[in-house]
Amino acid sequence: RGISGNLCRCTGYQKIFDAIKLAANRLSKKGGGRGEKNA
């Protein structure tokens, strides 16, 4: 949602979307996120 409307949805951007999903998944498992400080 955060980047909807800002990027073309063609196949050239699929790796960007995949990387964002992967990073978000890894951050959520580490307990990172908005409003939290990672030590």
PDB file of N, CA and C in Angstrom:
ATOM      1  N   ARG A   1       0.822  -1.198   0.000  1.00  0.00           N
ATOM      2  CA  ARG A   1       0.000   0.000   0.000  1.00  0.00           C
ATOM      3  C   ARG A   1       0.859   1.252   0.000  1.00  0.00           C
ATOM      4  N   GLY A   2       1.979   1.206   0.711  1.00  0.00           N
ATOM      5  CA  GLY A   2       2.806   2.395   0.852  1.00  0.00           C
ATOM      6  C   GLY A   2       3.364   2.915  -0.453  1.00  0.00           C
ATOM      7  N   ILE A   3       3.515   2.047  -1.423  1.00  0.00           N
ATOM      8  CA  ILE A   3       4.068   2.507  -2.691  1.00  0.00           C
ATOM      9  C   ILE A   3       3.053   2.424  -3.827  1.00  0.00           C
ATOM     10  N   SER A   4       1.814   2.084  -3.518  1.00  0.00           N
ATOM     11  CA  SER A   4       0.808   2.003  -4.567  1.00  0.00           C
ATOM     12  C   SER A   4       0.638   3.368  -5.218  1.00  0.00           C
ATOM     13  N   GLY A   5       0.514   3.360  -6.510  1.00  0.00           N
ATOM     14  CA  GLY A   5       0.369   4.600  -7.250  1.00  0.00           C
ATOM     15  C   GLY A   5       1.690   5.263  -7.584  1.00  0.00           C
ATOM     16  N   ASN A   6       2.775   4.833  -6.956  1.00  0.00           N
ATOM     17  CA  ASN A   6       4.074   5.440  -7.209  1.00  0.00           C
ATOM     18  C   ASN A   6       4.922   4.643  -8.187  1.00  0.00           C
ATOM     19  N   LEU A   7       4.633   3.382  -8.356  1.00  0.00           N
ATOM     20  CA  LEU A   7       5.413   2.535  -9.245  1.00  0.00           C
ATOM     21  C   LEU A   7       4.502   1.842 -10.239  1.00  0.00           C
ATOM     22  N   CYS A   8       5.044   1.624 -11.413  1.00  0.00           N
ATOM     23  CA  CYS A   8       4.344   0.845 -12.424  1.00  0.00           C
ATOM     24  C   CYS A   8       4.203  -0.584 -11.914  1.00  0.00           C
ATOM     25  N   ARG A   9       3.116  -1.220 -12.237  1.00  0.00           N
ATOM     26  CA  ARG A   9       2.913  -2.594 -11.784  1.00  0.00           C
ATOM     27  C   ARG A   9       3.357  -3.616 -12.831  1.00  0.00           C
ATOM     28  N   CYS A  10       4.150  -3.178 -13.807  1.00  0.00           N
ATOM     29  CA  CYS A  10       4.632  -4.104 -14.833  1.00  0.00           C
ATOM     30  C   CYS A  10       5.638  -5.082 -14.222  1.00  0.00           C
ATOM     31  N   THR A  11       6.020  -6.059 -14.979  1.00  0.00           N
ATOM     32  CA  THR A  11       6.894  -7.105 -14.451  1.00  0.00           C
ATOM     33  C   THR A  11       8.274  -6.594 -14.086  1.00  0.00           C
ATOM     34  N   GLY A  12       8.685  -5.459 -14.607  1.00  0.00           N
ATOM     35  CA  GLY A  12       9.998  -4.910 -14.283  1.00  0.00           C
ATOM     36  C   GLY A  12      10.143  -4.543 -12.821  1.00  0.00           C
ATOM     37  N   TYR A  13       9.049  -4.351 -12.140  1.00  0.00           N
ATOM     38  CA  TYR A  13       9.092  -3.960 -10.738  1.00  0.00           C
ATOM     39  C   TYR A  13       8.854  -5.122  -9.786  1.00  0.00           C
ATOM     40  N   GLN A  14       8.654  -6.311 -10.307  1.00  0.00           N
ATOM     41  CA  GLN A  14       8.333  -7.449  -9.449  1.00  0.00           C
ATOM     42  C   GLN A  14       9.435  -7.723  -8.433  1.00  0.00           C
ATOM     43  N   LYS A  15      10.693  -7.588  -8.830  1.00  0.00           N
ATOM     44  CA  LYS A  15      11.792  -7.837  -7.891  1.00  0.00           C
ATOM     45  C   LYS A  15      11.810  -6.792  -6.784  1.00  0.00           C
ATOM     46  N   ILE A  16      11.423  -5.567  -7.096  1.00  0.00           N
ATOM     47  CA  ILE A  16      11.346  -4.520  -6.067  1.00  0.00           C
ATOM     48  C   ILE A  16      10.273  -4.889  -5.053  1.00  0.00           C
ATOM     49  N   PHE A  17       9.100  -5.297  -5.534  1.00  0.00           N
ATOM     50  CA  PHE A  17       8.022  -5.691  -4.631  1.00  0.00           C
ATOM     51  C   PHE A  17       8.429  -6.894  -3.786  1.00  0.00           C
ATOM     52  N   ASP A  18       9.093  -7.854  -4.406  1.00  0.00           N
ATOM     53  CA  ASP A  18       9.548  -9.039  -3.671  1.00  0.00           C
ATOM     54  C   ASP A  18      10.532  -8.656  -2.569  1.00  0.00           C
ATOM     55  N   ALA A  19      11.440  -7.731  -2.880  1.00  0.00           N
ATOM     56  CA  ALA A  19      12.428  -7.298  -1.888  1.00  0.00           C
ATOM     57  C   ALA A  19      11.759  -6.571  -0.729  1.00  0.00           C
ATOM     58  N   ILE A  20      10.764  -5.756  -1.020  1.00  0.00           N
ATOM     59  CA  ILE A  20      10.041  -5.035   0.034  1.00  0.00           C
ATOM     60  C   ILE A  20       9.312  -6.023   0.941  1.00  0.00           C
ATOM     61  N   LYS A  21       8.656  -7.003   0.338  1.00  0.00           N
ATOM     62  CA  LYS A  21       7.954  -8.021   1.128  1.00  0.00           C
ATOM     63  C   LYS A  21       8.929  -8.812   1.999  1.00  0.00           C
ATOM     64  N   LEU A  22      10.073  -9.179   1.432  1.00  0.00           N
ATOM     65  CA  LEU A  22      11.074  -9.930   2.177  1.00  0.00           C
ATOM     66  C   LEU A  22      11.608  -9.112   3.350  1.00  0.00           C
ATOM     67  N   ALA A  23      11.917  -7.849   3.101  1.00  0.00           N
ATOM     68  CA  ALA A  23      12.429  -6.988   4.168  1.00  0.00           C
ATOM     69  C   ALA A  23      11.385  -6.802   5.265  1.00  0.00           C
ATOM     70  N   ALA A  24      10.138  -6.587   4.882  1.00  0.00           N
ATOM     71  CA  ALA A  24       9.071  -6.415   5.869  1.00  0.00           C
ATOM     72  C   ALA A  24       8.903  -7.676   6.707  1.00  0.00           C
ATOM     73  N   ASN A  25       8.985  -8.816   6.066  1.00  0.00           N
ATOM     74  CA  ASN A  25       8.860 -10.092   6.776  1.00  0.00           C
ATOM     75  C   ASN A  25       9.996 -10.265   7.773  1.00  0.00           C
ATOM     76  N   ARG A  26      11.214  -9.969   7.342  1.00  0.00           N
ATOM     77  CA  ARG A  26      12.365 -10.110   8.235  1.00  0.00           C
ATOM     78  C   ARG A  26      12.284  -9.132   9.399  1.00  0.00           C
ATOM     79  N   LEU A  27      11.867  -7.902   9.133  1.00  0.00           N
ATOM     80  CA  LEU A  27      11.748  -6.913  10.207  1.00  0.00           C
ATOM     81  C   LEU A  27      10.680  -7.314  11.217  1.00  0.00           C
ATOM     82  N   SER A  28       9.562  -7.852  10.729  1.00  0.00           N
ATOM     83  CA  SER A  28       8.493  -8.239  11.652  1.00  0.00           C
ATOM     84  C   SER A  28       8.935  -9.399  12.541  1.00  0.00           C
ATOM     85  N   LYS A  29       9.764 -10.283  12.028  1.00  0.00           N
ATOM     86  CA  LYS A  29      10.261 -11.403  12.830  1.00  0.00           C
ATOM     87  C   LYS A  29      11.276 -10.948  13.864  1.00  0.00           C
ATOM     88  N   LYS A  30      11.999  -9.860  13.569  1.00  0.00           N
ATOM     89  CA  LYS A  30      13.000  -9.344  14.498  1.00  0.00           C
ATOM     90  C   LYS A  30      12.373  -8.409  15.528  1.00  0.00           C
ATOM     91  N   GLY A  31      11.106  -8.061  15.349  1.00  0.00           N
ATOM     92  CA  GLY A  31      10.452  -7.158  16.281  1.00  0.00           C
ATOM     93  C   GLY A  31      10.637  -5.701  15.919  1.00  0.00           C
ATOM     94  N   GLY A  32      11.168  -5.437  14.749  1.00  0.00           N
ATOM     95  CA  GLY A  32      11.353  -4.058  14.307  1.00  0.00           C
ATOM     96  C   GLY A  32      10.055  -3.495  13.758  1.00  0.00           C
ATOM     97  N   GLY A  33      10.036  -2.219  13.585  1.00  0.00           N
ATOM     98  CA  GLY A  33       8.849  -1.597  13.028  1.00  0.00           C
ATOM     99  C   GLY A  33       8.710  -0.182  13.505  1.00  0.00           C
ATOM    100  N   ARG A  34       7.653   0.435  13.106  1.00  0.00           N
ATOM    101  CA  ARG A  34       7.411   1.824  13.483  1.00  0.00           C
ATOM    102  C   ARG A  34       7.241   1.968  14.982  1.00  0.00           C
ATOM    103  N   GLY A  35       7.848   2.987  15.510  1.00  0.00           N
ATOM    104  CA  GLY A  35       7.675   3.290  16.918  1.00  0.00           C
ATOM    105  C   GLY A  35       8.490   2.436  17.860  1.00  0.00           C
ATOM    106  N   GLU A  36       9.249   1.515  17.327  1.00  0.00           N
ATOM    107  CA  GLU A  36      10.066   0.659  18.181  1.00  0.00           C
ATOM    108  C   GLU A  36      11.532   0.965  17.948  1.00  0.00           C
ATOM    109  N   LYS A  37      12.299   0.892  19.004  1.00  0.00           N
ATOM    110  CA  LYS A  37      13.738   1.086  18.879  1.00  0.00           C
ATOM    111  C   LYS A  37      14.411  -0.273  18.920  1.00  0.00           C
ATOM    112  N   ASN A  38      15.253  -0.516  17.950  1.00  0.00           N
ATOM    113  CA  ASN A  38      16.002  -1.774  17.925  1.00  0.00           C
ATOM    114  C   ASN A  38      17.336  -1.557  18.599  1.00  0.00           C
ATOM    115  N   ALA A  39      17.658  -2.364  19.572  1.00  0.00           N
ATOM    116  CA  ALA A  39      18.927  -2.220  20.297  1.00  0.00           C
ATOM    117  C   ALA A  39      19.996  -3.083  19.699  1.00  0.00           C
TER     118      ALA A  39
END
